[in-house]
Amino acid sequence: MNKPQEVYRQQVAVAMKKAALPLKSLVTLGLMAGACIALGASASSMAAHSVANTGLARLVAGAVFPVGLILIVLLGAELFTGNNLMEMALAERRITALSLLRNLAVVWVANLAGSVAIAALAWKSGQWGAGGGALGVYTIKVAAAKASLGPAAAICSGILCNMLVCMAILGGVASKRASGKILAVWFPIMAFVTAGFEHCVANMYYLPAGLMALSDGAMAAKAAAAGLDTSALSVAGAARNICFATIGNLIGGMLFIAAPWGWAMRQKQN
């Protein structure tokens, strides 16, 4: 197992490589990461959609969702929220602010494209017809709840989410074995999903998926019959949630984890 100072040094080295990645590689790996998160989200919705108890449903979803980040960690894909840890290399002046912004901007857009692509494939696959359309209604329900969140709630929830995501990634680096990396990632990600925190890349799947499901007349009718309020679920509502979740994720990843933890590790090395 790597010691905290070794984890820090590895993360700085990784950030330097990320900052220097060619655009084509950055886009490709960003698409893969968005797809991985979306696949985990899709599977977790299938697992949880028929569980009536809210807490238990979130726990079931939390048990499945981490597969997305596990794949990203093992395959080396580029995830916007995890790349917030590049701030540590910026603080050491190993990368420039411009290279950090370039990475985050390109990866964010690529993550969005990868997530929406998986949502479209899930829609066209007929998956949301599971349980007589119950999964489709659940998909709408999740998206409507996210779209109805106010700015403060979405930002604060995003902060809490990316604190756990970044700690999961750091924990994964601490282990030298794949099994250890999987366990280190699984528990924090399970915690954020169970708690219901907002992850901008996951929401890049959940919200477009909800909009797609709502566009199906039969599913929309079932959602209405179930008493769901979908008034906030629109393209504008989805974009608003993703933007505020992104702000929260940036604060949580950079200011709450990368900056203080990186500072503490640099003090230990001095």
C-alpha atoms as a PDB file:
ATOM      1  CA  MET A   1       0.000   0.000   0.000  1.00  0.00           C
ATOM      2  CA  ASN A   2       1.270   3.467  -0.911  1.00  0.00           C
ATOM      3  CA  LYS A   3       1.726   5.982   1.898  1.00  0.00           C
ATOM      4  CA  PRO A   4      -0.189   9.296   1.715  1.00  0.00           C
ATOM      5  CA  GLN A   5       2.912  11.205   0.585  1.00  0.00           C
ATOM      6  CA  GLU A   6       3.439   8.656  -2.204  1.00  0.00           C
ATOM      7  CA  VAL A   7      -0.213   8.996  -3.224  1.00  0.00           C
ATOM      8  CA  TYR A   8       0.279  12.751  -3.419  1.00  0.00           C
ATOM      9  CA  ARG A   9       3.403  12.474  -5.559  1.00  0.00           C
ATOM     10  CA  GLN A  10       1.677  10.001  -7.889  1.00  0.00           C
ATOM     11  CA  GLN A  11      -1.330  12.301  -8.260  1.00  0.00           C
ATOM     12  CA  VAL A  12       0.879  15.256  -9.158  1.00  0.00           C
ATOM     13  CA  ALA A  13       2.696  13.132 -11.740  1.00  0.00           C
ATOM     14  CA  VAL A  14      -0.612  11.902 -13.170  1.00  0.00           C
ATOM     15  CA  ALA A  15      -1.901  15.478 -13.373  1.00  0.00           C
ATOM     16  CA  MET A  16       1.148  16.504 -15.386  1.00  0.00           C
ATOM     17  CA  LYS A  17       0.467  13.700 -17.872  1.00  0.00           C
ATOM     18  CA  LYS A  18      -3.225  14.621 -18.061  1.00  0.00           C
ATOM     19  CA  ALA A  19      -2.372  18.254 -18.758  1.00  0.00           C
ATOM     20  CA  ALA A  20      -0.149  17.195 -21.672  1.00  0.00           C
ATOM     21  CA  LEU A  21      -2.584  14.766 -23.312  1.00  0.00           C
ATOM     22  CA  PRO A  22      -3.309  15.430 -27.005  1.00  0.00           C
ATOM     23  CA  LEU A  23      -6.830  16.647 -27.732  1.00  0.00           C
ATOM     24  CA  LYS A  24      -7.861  13.423 -29.512  1.00  0.00           C
ATOM     25  CA  SER A  25      -6.810  11.290 -26.546  1.00  0.00           C
ATOM     26  CA  LEU A  26      -8.511  13.620 -24.089  1.00  0.00           C
ATOM     27  CA  VAL A  27     -11.777  13.524 -26.018  1.00  0.00           C
ATOM     28  CA  THR A  28     -11.685   9.744 -26.472  1.00  0.00           C
ATOM     29  CA  LEU A  29     -10.938   9.042 -22.813  1.00  0.00           C
ATOM     30  CA  GLY A  30     -13.550  11.610 -21.773  1.00  0.00           C
ATOM     31  CA  LEU A  31     -16.182   9.891 -23.910  1.00  0.00           C
ATOM     32  CA  MET A  32     -15.261   6.570 -22.306  1.00  0.00           C
ATOM     33  CA  ALA A  33     -15.553   7.981 -18.789  1.00  0.00           C
ATOM     34  CA  GLY A  34     -18.954   9.510 -19.508  1.00  0.00           C
ATOM     35  CA  ALA A  35     -20.114   6.189 -20.904  1.00  0.00           C
ATOM     36  CA  CYS A  36     -18.779   4.281 -17.875  1.00  0.00           C
ATOM     37  CA  ILE A  37     -20.612   6.533 -15.399  1.00  0.00           C
ATOM     38  CA  ALA A  38     -23.785   6.324 -17.464  1.00  0.00           C
ATOM     39  CA  LEU A  39     -23.623   2.534 -17.621  1.00  0.00           C
ATOM     40  CA  GLY A  40     -23.277   2.388 -13.845  1.00  0.00           C
ATOM     41  CA  ALA A  41     -26.205   4.780 -13.474  1.00  0.00           C
ATOM     42  CA  SER A  42     -28.356   2.782 -15.878  1.00  0.00           C
ATOM     43  CA  ALA A  43     -27.633  -0.474 -14.071  1.00  0.00           C
ATOM     44  CA  SER A  44     -28.280   1.081 -10.659  1.00  0.00           C
ATOM     45  CA  SER A  45     -31.668   2.384 -11.823  1.00  0.00           C
ATOM     46  CA  MET A  46     -32.629  -1.082 -13.000  1.00  0.00           C
ATOM     47  CA  ALA A  47     -31.605  -2.535  -9.633  1.00  0.00           C
ATOM     48  CA  ALA A  48     -33.470   0.044  -7.548  1.00  0.00           C
ATOM     49  CA  HIS A  49     -36.559   0.957  -9.547  1.00  0.00           C
ATOM     50  CA  SER A  50     -38.946  -1.508  -7.890  1.00  0.00           C
ATOM     51  CA  VAL A  51     -37.771  -0.963  -4.291  1.00  0.00           C
ATOM     52  CA  ALA A  52     -40.476   0.998  -2.468  1.00  0.00           C
ATOM     53  CA  ASN A  53     -38.466   2.138   0.567  1.00  0.00           C
ATOM     54  CA  THR A  54     -36.433   5.234  -0.380  1.00  0.00           C
ATOM     55  CA  GLY A  55     -33.438   4.486   1.828  1.00  0.00           C
ATOM     56  CA  LEU A  56     -33.248   0.881   0.720  1.00  0.00           C
ATOM     57  CA  ALA A  57     -33.645   1.859  -2.938  1.00  0.00           C
ATOM     58  CA  ARG A  58     -30.724   4.266  -2.637  1.00  0.00           C
ATOM     59  CA  LEU A  59     -28.625   1.642  -0.904  1.00  0.00           C
ATOM     60  CA  VAL A  60     -29.335  -0.851  -3.701  1.00  0.00           C
ATOM     61  CA  ALA A  61     -28.474   1.784  -6.307  1.00  0.00           C
ATOM     62  CA  GLY A  62     -25.335   2.652  -4.350  1.00  0.00           C
ATOM     63  CA  ALA A  63     -24.218  -0.961  -4.370  1.00  0.00           C
ATOM     64  CA  VAL A  64     -24.315  -1.068  -8.195  1.00  0.00           C
ATOM     65  CA  PHE A  65     -23.399   2.457  -9.324  1.00  0.00           C
ATOM     66  CA  PRO A  66     -19.666   2.316  -8.367  1.00  0.00           C
ATOM     67  CA  VAL A  67     -18.948   0.012 -11.325  1.00  0.00           C
ATOM     68  CA  GLY A  68     -18.652   3.166 -13.434  1.00  0.00           C
ATOM     69  CA  LEU A  69     -15.832   4.778 -11.463  1.00  0.00           C
ATOM     70  CA  ILE A  70     -14.162   1.407 -10.908  1.00  0.00           C
ATOM     71  CA  LEU A  71     -13.896   0.987 -14.686  1.00  0.00           C
ATOM     72  CA  ILE A  72     -12.578   4.534 -15.064  1.00  0.00           C
ATOM     73  CA  VAL A  73      -9.875   3.979 -12.448  1.00  0.00           C
ATOM     74  CA  LEU A  74      -8.817   0.630 -13.910  1.00  0.00           C
ATOM     75  CA  LEU A  75      -8.905   1.764 -17.561  1.00  0.00           C
ATOM     76  CA  GLY A  76      -7.453   5.258 -17.124  1.00  0.00           C
ATOM     77  CA  ALA A  77     -10.372   7.202 -18.598  1.00  0.00           C
ATOM     78  CA  GLU A  78     -10.801  10.954 -18.050  1.00  0.00           C
ATOM     79  CA  LEU A  79     -13.522  12.018 -15.597  1.00  0.00           C
ATOM     80  CA  PHE A  80     -14.254  15.693 -14.937  1.00  0.00           C
ATOM     81  CA  THR A  81     -14.879  15.312 -11.216  1.00  0.00           C
ATOM     82  CA  GLY A  82     -11.774  13.234 -10.566  1.00  0.00           C
ATOM     83  CA  ASN A  83      -9.639  15.621 -12.606  1.00  0.00           C
ATOM     84  CA  ASN A  84     -10.391  18.340 -10.058  1.00  0.00           C
ATOM     85  CA  LEU A  85      -7.462  16.771  -8.176  1.00  0.00           C
ATOM     86  CA  MET A  86      -5.156  18.287 -10.809  1.00  0.00           C
ATOM     87  CA  GLU A  87      -5.296  21.423  -8.656  1.00  0.00           C
ATOM     88  CA  MET A  88      -2.488  19.899  -6.587  1.00  0.00           C
ATOM     89  CA  ALA A  89      -0.129  20.004  -9.561  1.00  0.00           C
ATOM     90  CA  LEU A  90      -1.204  23.588 -10.249  1.00  0.00           C
ATOM     91  CA  ALA A  91      -0.378  24.521  -6.650  1.00  0.00           C
ATOM     92  CA  GLU A  92       3.135  23.106  -7.197  1.00  0.00           C
ATOM     93  CA  ARG A  93       3.398  24.998 -10.492  1.00  0.00           C
ATOM     94  CA  ARG A  94       3.919  21.744 -12.381  1.00  0.00           C
ATOM     95  CA  ILE A  95       1.053  22.623 -14.727  1.00  0.00           C
ATOM     96  CA  THR A  96      -0.424  25.956 -15.829  1.00  0.00           C
ATOM     97  CA  ALA A  97      -3.901  27.274 -15.091  1.00  0.00           C
ATOM     98  CA  LEU A  98      -4.598  27.254 -18.827  1.00  0.00           C
ATOM     99  CA  SER A  99      -3.695  23.560 -19.183  1.00  0.00           C
ATOM    100  CA  LEU A 100      -5.923  22.721 -16.215  1.00  0.00           C
ATOM    101  CA  LEU A 101      -8.861  24.667 -17.672  1.00  0.00           C
ATOM    102  CA  ARG A 102      -8.296  23.032 -21.065  1.00  0.00           C
ATOM    103  CA  ASN A 103      -8.417  19.567 -19.515  1.00  0.00           C
ATOM    104  CA  LEU A 104     -11.511  20.245 -17.445  1.00  0.00           C
ATOM    105  CA  ALA A 105     -13.421  21.948 -20.267  1.00  0.00           C
ATOM    106  CA  VAL A 106     -12.688  19.269 -22.869  1.00  0.00           C
ATOM    107  CA  VAL A 107     -13.332  16.409 -20.462  1.00  0.00           C
ATOM    108  CA  TRP A 108     -16.621  17.961 -19.255  1.00  0.00           C
ATOM    109  CA  VAL A 109     -17.943  18.191 -22.810  1.00  0.00           C
ATOM    110  CA  ALA A 110     -16.705  14.688 -23.679  1.00  0.00           C
ATOM    111  CA  ASN A 111     -18.242  13.248 -20.494  1.00  0.00           C
ATOM    112  CA  LEU A 112     -21.553  14.877 -21.465  1.00  0.00           C
ATOM    113  CA  ALA A 113     -21.449  13.396 -24.961  1.00  0.00           C
ATOM    114  CA  GLY A 114     -20.592   9.919 -23.659  1.00  0.00           C
ATOM    115  CA  SER A 115     -23.339  10.015 -21.026  1.00  0.00           C
ATOM    116  CA  VAL A 116     -26.037  11.215 -23.430  1.00  0.00           C
ATOM    117  CA  ALA A 117     -25.024   8.551 -25.961  1.00  0.00           C
ATOM    118  CA  ILE A 118     -25.591   5.807 -23.386  1.00  0.00           C
ATOM    119  CA  ALA A 119     -28.929   7.355 -22.380  1.00  0.00           C
ATOM    120  CA  ALA A 120     -30.020   7.283 -26.028  1.00  0.00           C
ATOM    121  CA  LEU A 121     -28.915   3.678 -26.429  1.00  0.00           C
ATOM    122  CA  ALA A 122     -30.743   2.660 -23.243  1.00  0.00           C
ATOM    123  CA  TRP A 123     -33.881   4.402 -24.518  1.00  0.00           C
ATOM    124  CA  LYS A 124     -33.776   2.742 -27.928  1.00  0.00           C
ATOM    125  CA  SER A 125     -32.909  -0.646 -26.408  1.00  0.00           C
ATOM    126  CA  GLY A 126     -36.330  -0.761 -24.759  1.00  0.00           C
ATOM    127  CA  GLN A 127     -34.750  -1.139 -21.316  1.00  0.00           C
ATOM    128  CA  TRP A 128     -37.083   1.388 -19.726  1.00  0.00           C
ATOM    129  CA  GLY A 129     -40.056  -0.817 -20.526  1.00  0.00           C
ATOM    130  CA  ALA A 130     -38.947  -3.196 -17.745  1.00  0.00           C
ATOM    131  CA  GLY A 131     -41.596  -3.900 -15.139  1.00  0.00           C
ATOM    132  CA  GLY A 132     -44.366  -2.841 -17.480  1.00  0.00           C
ATOM    133  CA  GLY A 133     -42.776   0.580 -17.870  1.00  0.00           C
ATOM    134  CA  ALA A 134     -41.960   0.958 -14.164  1.00  0.00           C
ATOM    135  CA  LEU A 135     -38.289   1.578 -14.950  1.00  0.00           C
ATOM    136  CA  GLY A 136     -39.268   4.350 -17.357  1.00  0.00           C
ATOM    137  CA  VAL A 137     -41.416   5.985 -14.688  1.00  0.00           C
ATOM    138  CA  TYR A 138     -38.552   5.677 -12.189  1.00  0.00           C
ATOM    139  CA  THR A 139     -36.199   7.264 -14.734  1.00  0.00           C
ATOM    140  CA  ILE A 140     -38.578  10.209 -15.052  1.00  0.00           C
ATOM    141  CA  LYS A 141     -38.971  10.409 -11.268  1.00  0.00           C
ATOM    142  CA  VAL A 142     -35.218  10.611 -10.647  1.00  0.00           C
ATOM    143  CA  ALA A 143     -34.725  13.263 -13.331  1.00  0.00           C
ATOM    144  CA  ALA A 144     -37.693  15.351 -12.158  1.00  0.00           C
ATOM    145  CA  ALA A 145     -36.399  15.367  -8.578  1.00  0.00           C
ATOM    146  CA  LYS A 146     -32.965  16.539  -9.747  1.00  0.00           C
ATOM    147  CA  ALA A 147     -34.406  19.223 -12.031  1.00  0.00           C
ATOM    148  CA  SER A 148     -36.496  20.615  -9.176  1.00  0.00           C
ATOM    149  CA  LEU A 149     -33.491  21.192  -6.890  1.00  0.00           C
ATOM    150  CA  GLY A 150     -32.724  24.820  -6.097  1.00  0.00           C
ATOM    151  CA  PRO A 151     -29.277  26.323  -6.788  1.00  0.00           C
ATOM    152  CA  ALA A 152     -28.078  26.219  -3.172  1.00  0.00           C
ATOM    153  CA  ALA A 153     -29.193  22.625  -2.674  1.00  0.00           C
ATOM    154  CA  ALA A 154     -27.594  21.472  -5.938  1.00  0.00           C
ATOM    155  CA  ILE A 155     -24.308  23.245  -5.192  1.00  0.00           C
ATOM    156  CA  CYS A 156     -24.070  21.998  -1.600  1.00  0.00           C
ATOM    157  CA  SER A 157     -24.989  18.474  -2.682  1.00  0.00           C
ATOM    158  CA  GLY A 158     -22.372  18.698  -5.430  1.00  0.00           C
ATOM    159  CA  ILE A 159     -19.724  19.721  -2.892  1.00  0.00           C
ATOM    160  CA  LEU A 160     -20.469  16.708  -0.705  1.00  0.00           C
ATOM    161  CA  CYS A 161     -20.518  14.403  -3.716  1.00  0.00           C
ATOM    162  CA  ASN A 162     -17.125  15.328  -5.091  1.00  0.00           C
ATOM    163  CA  MET A 163     -15.492  15.226  -1.689  1.00  0.00           C
ATOM    164  CA  LEU A 164     -16.340  11.520  -1.672  1.00  0.00           C
ATOM    165  CA  VAL A 165     -15.437  10.971  -5.344  1.00  0.00           C
ATOM    166  CA  CYS A 166     -12.001  12.572  -4.973  1.00  0.00           C
ATOM    167  CA  MET A 167     -11.315  10.646  -1.771  1.00  0.00           C
ATOM    168  CA  ALA A 168     -12.330   7.462  -3.604  1.00  0.00           C
ATOM    169  CA  ILE A 169      -9.783   8.186  -6.324  1.00  0.00           C
ATOM    170  CA  LEU A 170      -7.054   8.963  -3.796  1.00  0.00           C
ATOM    171  CA  GLY A 171      -7.912   5.768  -1.958  1.00  0.00           C
ATOM    172  CA  GLY A 172      -7.616   3.845  -5.204  1.00  0.00           C
ATOM    173  CA  VAL A 173      -4.133   5.264  -5.779  1.00  0.00           C
ATOM    174  CA  ALA A 174      -3.157   4.166  -2.270  1.00  0.00           C
ATOM    175  CA  SER A 175      -3.625   0.520  -3.248  1.00  0.00           C
ATOM    176  CA  LYS A 176      -1.140  -1.270  -5.499  1.00  0.00           C
ATOM    177  CA  ARG A 177      -3.557  -4.091  -6.390  1.00  0.00           C
ATOM    178  CA  ALA A 178      -6.675  -4.029  -8.551  1.00  0.00           C
ATOM    179  CA  SER A 179      -8.725  -5.622  -5.776  1.00  0.00           C
ATOM    180  CA  GLY A 180      -7.664  -2.903  -3.347  1.00  0.00           C
ATOM    181  CA  LYS A 181      -8.461  -0.170  -5.863  1.00  0.00           C
ATOM    182  CA  ILE A 182     -11.935  -1.620  -6.395  1.00  0.00           C
ATOM    183  CA  LEU A 183     -12.705  -1.683  -2.669  1.00  0.00           C
ATOM    184  CA  ALA A 184     -11.256   1.805  -2.117  1.00  0.00           C
ATOM    185  CA  VAL A 185     -13.481   3.215  -4.848  1.00  0.00           C
ATOM    186  CA  TRP A 186     -16.619   1.211  -4.084  1.00  0.00           C
ATOM    187  CA  PHE A 187     -17.332   2.359  -0.521  1.00  0.00           C
ATOM    188  CA  PRO A 188     -17.120   6.181  -0.968  1.00  0.00           C
ATOM    189  CA  ILE A 189     -19.111   6.043  -4.223  1.00  0.00           C
ATOM    190  CA  MET A 190     -21.731   3.845  -2.576  1.00  0.00           C
ATOM    191  CA  ALA A 191     -21.922   6.472   0.179  1.00  0.00           C
ATOM    192  CA  PHE A 192     -22.548   9.406  -2.180  1.00  0.00           C
ATOM    193  CA  VAL A 193     -25.219   7.558  -4.150  1.00  0.00           C
ATOM    194  CA  THR A 194     -26.952   6.322  -1.001  1.00  0.00           C
ATOM    195  CA  ALA A 195     -26.879   9.854   0.412  1.00  0.00           C
ATOM    196  CA  GLY A 196     -28.353  11.208  -2.825  1.00  0.00           C
ATOM    197  CA  PHE A 197     -25.628  13.747  -3.563  1.00  0.00           C
ATOM    198  CA  GLU A 198     -25.311  15.436  -6.972  1.00  0.00           C
ATOM    199  CA  HIS A 199     -22.631  14.294  -9.441  1.00  0.00           C
ATOM    200  CA  CYS A 200     -22.613  16.377 -12.607  1.00  0.00           C
ATOM    201  CA  VAL A 201     -21.492  13.541 -14.891  1.00  0.00           C
ATOM    202  CA  ALA A 202     -24.021  11.076 -13.462  1.00  0.00           C
ATOM    203  CA  ASN A 203     -26.674  13.766 -13.977  1.00  0.00           C
ATOM    204  CA  MET A 204     -25.549  14.012 -17.594  1.00  0.00           C
ATOM    205  CA  TYR A 205     -27.140  10.559 -17.862  1.00  0.00           C
ATOM    206  CA  TYR A 206     -30.063  10.820 -15.436  1.00  0.00           C
ATOM    207  CA  LEU A 207     -31.501  14.090 -16.760  1.00  0.00           C
ATOM    208  CA  PRO A 208     -31.317  13.373 -20.513  1.00  0.00           C
ATOM    209  CA  ALA A 209     -32.638   9.876 -19.765  1.00  0.00           C
ATOM    210  CA  GLY A 210     -35.587  11.385 -17.905  1.00  0.00           C
ATOM    211  CA  LEU A 211     -36.298  13.777 -20.770  1.00  0.00           C
ATOM    212  CA  MET A 212     -36.172  10.931 -23.285  1.00  0.00           C
ATOM    213  CA  ALA A 213     -38.503   8.782 -21.182  1.00  0.00           C
ATOM    214  CA  LEU A 214     -40.893  11.724 -20.740  1.00  0.00           C
ATOM    215  CA  SER A 215     -41.020  12.191 -24.509  1.00  0.00           C
ATOM    216  CA  ASP A 216     -42.604   8.730 -24.768  1.00  0.00           C
ATOM    217  CA  GLY A 217     -46.338   9.289 -24.525  1.00  0.00           C
ATOM    218  CA  ALA A 218     -47.070   5.999 -22.777  1.00  0.00           C
ATOM    219  CA  MET A 219     -44.375   6.517 -20.148  1.00  0.00           C
ATOM    220  CA  ALA A 220     -45.402  10.127 -19.631  1.00  0.00           C
ATOM    221  CA  ALA A 221     -48.986   8.959 -19.048  1.00  0.00           C
ATOM    222  CA  LYS A 222     -47.832   6.387 -16.509  1.00  0.00           C
ATOM    223  CA  ALA A 223     -45.738   9.013 -14.751  1.00  0.00           C
ATOM    224  CA  ALA A 224     -48.764  11.314 -14.576  1.00  0.00           C
ATOM    225  CA  ALA A 225     -50.932   8.457 -13.284  1.00  0.00           C
ATOM    226  CA  ALA A 226     -48.341   7.842 -10.574  1.00  0.00           C
ATOM    227  CA  GLY A 227     -48.736  11.473  -9.492  1.00  0.00           C
ATOM    228  CA  LEU A 228     -45.254  12.621 -10.524  1.00  0.00           C
ATOM    229  CA  ASP A 229     -44.709  16.368 -10.849  1.00  0.00           C
ATOM    230  CA  THR A 230     -42.636  16.783 -14.000  1.00  0.00           C
ATOM    231  CA  SER A 231     -43.101  20.542 -14.364  1.00  0.00           C
ATOM    232  CA  ALA A 232     -39.418  21.229 -13.637  1.00  0.00           C
ATOM    233  CA  LEU A 233     -38.181  18.556 -16.039  1.00  0.00           C
ATOM    234  CA  SER A 234     -37.192  20.402 -19.194  1.00  0.00           C
ATOM    235  CA  VAL A 235     -34.025  20.983 -21.184  1.00  0.00           C
ATOM    236  CA  ALA A 236     -33.540  24.252 -19.292  1.00  0.00           C
ATOM    237  CA  GLY A 237     -34.174  22.550 -15.953  1.00  0.00           C
ATOM    238  CA  ALA A 238     -31.702  19.786 -16.800  1.00  0.00           C
ATOM    239  CA  ALA A 239     -29.039  22.277 -17.907  1.00  0.00           C
ATOM    240  CA  ARG A 240     -29.545  24.320 -14.743  1.00  0.00           C
ATOM    241  CA  ASN A 241     -29.081  21.292 -12.488  1.00  0.00           C
ATOM    242  CA  ILE A 242     -25.971  20.107 -14.310  1.00  0.00           C
ATOM    243  CA  CYS A 243     -24.416  23.595 -14.143  1.00  0.00           C
ATOM    244  CA  PHE A 244     -25.035  23.997 -10.411  1.00  0.00           C
ATOM    245  CA  ALA A 245     -23.875  20.432  -9.719  1.00  0.00           C
ATOM    246  CA  THR A 246     -20.711  21.211 -11.696  1.00  0.00           C
ATOM    247  CA  ILE A 247     -20.046  24.281  -9.564  1.00  0.00           C
ATOM    248  CA  GLY A 248     -20.540  22.246  -6.399  1.00  0.00           C
ATOM    249  CA  ASN A 249     -18.320  19.457  -7.685  1.00  0.00           C
ATOM    250  CA  LEU A 250     -15.540  21.939  -8.487  1.00  0.00           C
ATOM    251  CA  ILE A 251     -15.725  23.440  -4.999  1.00  0.00           C
ATOM    252  CA  GLY A 252     -15.842  20.039  -3.319  1.00  0.00           C
ATOM    253  CA  GLY A 253     -13.015  18.555  -5.364  1.00  0.00           C
ATOM    254  CA  MET A 254     -10.643  21.498  -5.516  1.00  0.00           C
ATOM    255  CA  LEU A 255     -11.294  23.574  -2.391  1.00  0.00           C
ATOM    256  CA  PHE A 256     -12.391  20.864   0.041  1.00  0.00           C
ATOM    257  CA  ILE A 257     -10.041  18.020  -0.958  1.00  0.00           C
ATOM    258  CA  ALA A 258      -7.229  18.892  -3.398  1.00  0.00           C
ATOM    259  CA  ALA A 259      -6.230  22.222  -1.840  1.00  0.00           C
ATOM    260  CA  PRO A 260      -6.174  21.308   1.879  1.00  0.00           C
ATOM    261  CA  TRP A 261      -4.972  17.725   1.464  1.00  0.00           C
ATOM    262  CA  GLY A 262      -2.331  18.762  -1.051  1.00  0.00           C
ATOM    263  CA  TRP A 263      -1.143  21.547   1.275  1.00  0.00           C
ATOM    264  CA  ALA A 264      -0.894  19.092   4.176  1.00  0.00           C
ATOM    265  CA  MET A 265       1.115  16.618   2.105  1.00  0.00           C
ATOM    266  CA  ARG A 266       3.512  19.351   0.962  1.00  0.00           C
ATOM    267  CA  GLN A 267       4.080  20.350   4.582  1.00  0.00           C
ATOM    268  CA  LYS A 268       4.970  16.738   5.434  1.00  0.00           C
ATOM    269  CA  GLN A 269       7.536  16.645   2.633  1.00  0.00           C
ATOM    270  CA  ASN A 270       9.250  19.846   3.779  1.00  0.00           C
END
